[in-house]
Structure formats: C-alpha cells, structure tokens
Amino acid sequence: MNESPSRTNLSNDDYERCLQIAVEYVAQHQSIRNRQLRAASGLGYDQVIAFFNRAIKARHLIRKGKGSGTYYVKGVER
C-alpha cells in the first residue's frame, strides 16, 4: 500500500516537538518505542518512523532491536 507524501512528511515543528517528548520519555524510562511516541505525540505510524529516522541521523537517538522489538535510547552527546 502506497502512503501519500503528506502522511509521511514531518514538519520541523513536529520534529522538535517529538524530539522533546522522546528525550523526556527516555530520561524517565531509558527507552521509547514507536507506539509510545505515537500515543504521546498524536502522530501516525509513518510520521513517527520519519521522526526516528531523522533523530537517528542527527544522533539524538540510537535504534536497538528489530521489527516489533525495536526501541530507541539516548544518542551521543554533542
């Protein structure tokens, strides 16, 4: 099933909001999963995946595990 670009686009504002949510969540719980960020942010699955990919590239988060076991932890300090 092809997703429309509007469903996967993530604005800079949404990215910054998700980053704040994820960093605070990880500080309290040591990790965050896709489902947890979706519940906290109100964004959809594809948008949260786009967020995690961007946060990993920026080294804010590190991906651990695979498939349904994937979770994200604090990235490298700058």
Protein backbone atom coordinates (compact mmCIF):
# COMPACT_ATOMS: atom_id res chain seq x y z
CA MET A 1 0.00 0.00 0.00
CA ASN A 2 1.48 3.35 -1.00
CA GLU A 3 1.27 6.15 1.53
CA SER A 4 0.70 9.68 0.32
CA PRO A 5 3.62 12.05 0.90
CA SER A 6 1.53 14.21 3.23
CA ARG A 7 1.20 11.31 5.68
CA THR A 8 4.93 10.77 5.95
CA ASN A 9 6.11 14.38 5.84
CA LEU A 10 7.28 15.64 9.20
CA SER A 11 7.48 19.38 9.72
CA ASN A 12 10.38 20.90 11.64
CA ASP A 13 7.90 21.87 14.38
CA ASP A 14 6.65 18.27 14.66
CA TYR A 15 10.24 17.01 14.69
CA GLU A 16 11.21 19.38 17.52
CA ARG A 17 8.06 18.50 19.49
CA CYS A 18 8.68 14.77 19.06
CA LEU A 19 12.33 15.19 20.00
CA GLN A 20 11.36 16.92 23.23
CA ILE A 21 8.80 14.22 24.04
CA ALA A 22 11.24 11.40 23.21
CA VAL A 23 14.16 12.87 25.17
CA GLU A 24 12.00 13.43 28.25
CA TYR A 25 10.49 9.93 27.97
CA VAL A 26 13.90 8.29 27.57
CA ALA A 27 15.24 10.25 30.57
CA GLN A 28 12.49 8.69 32.72
CA HIS A 29 12.22 5.21 31.16
CA GLN A 30 15.61 4.59 29.47
CA SER A 31 13.95 3.84 26.09
CA ILE A 32 10.95 4.62 23.90
CA ARG A 33 9.04 2.62 21.30
CA ASN A 34 7.09 3.74 18.25
CA ARG A 35 3.75 3.08 19.95
CA GLN A 36 4.69 5.17 22.98
CA LEU A 37 5.72 8.17 20.88
CA ARG A 38 2.56 7.90 18.77
CA ALA A 39 0.42 7.96 21.92
CA ALA A 40 2.31 10.93 23.36
CA SER A 41 2.53 12.97 20.14
CA GLY A 42 -0.71 12.14 18.35
CA LEU A 43 1.22 11.48 15.12
CA GLY A 44 0.74 8.46 12.88
CA TYR A 45 2.97 5.45 12.41
CA ASP A 46 4.72 6.71 9.26
CA GLN A 47 5.34 10.17 10.72
CA VAL A 48 6.88 8.66 13.85
CA ILE A 49 9.09 6.40 11.71
CA ALA A 50 10.20 9.52 9.79
CA PHE A 51 10.94 11.20 13.13
CA PHE A 52 13.00 8.26 14.43
CA ASN A 53 14.99 8.04 11.18
CA ARG A 54 15.77 11.75 11.33
CA ALA A 55 16.64 11.62 15.05
CA ILE A 56 18.99 8.68 14.41
CA LYS A 57 20.69 10.51 11.55
CA ALA A 58 21.14 13.54 13.84
CA ARG A 59 22.49 11.17 16.54
CA HIS A 60 19.83 12.22 19.05
CA LEU A 61 18.65 8.61 19.40
CA ILE A 62 20.06 5.14 18.78
CA ARG A 63 17.90 2.29 17.39
CA LYS A 64 18.08 -1.05 19.18
CA GLY A 65 16.41 -4.30 18.19
CA LYS A 66 14.48 -5.16 15.05
CA GLY A 67 10.87 -5.42 13.94
CA SER A 68 8.29 -5.31 16.71
CA GLY A 69 11.12 -5.41 19.27
CA THR A 70 12.61 -2.09 18.11
CA TYR A 71 13.20 0.57 20.74
CA TYR A 72 15.23 3.77 20.90
CA VAL A 73 17.69 5.01 23.51
CA LYS A 74 19.56 8.23 24.15
CA GLY A 75 22.02 9.14 21.43
CA VAL A 76 25.51 10.57 21.54
CA GLU A 77 26.01 13.81 23.47
CA ARG A 78 27.25 16.68 21.35
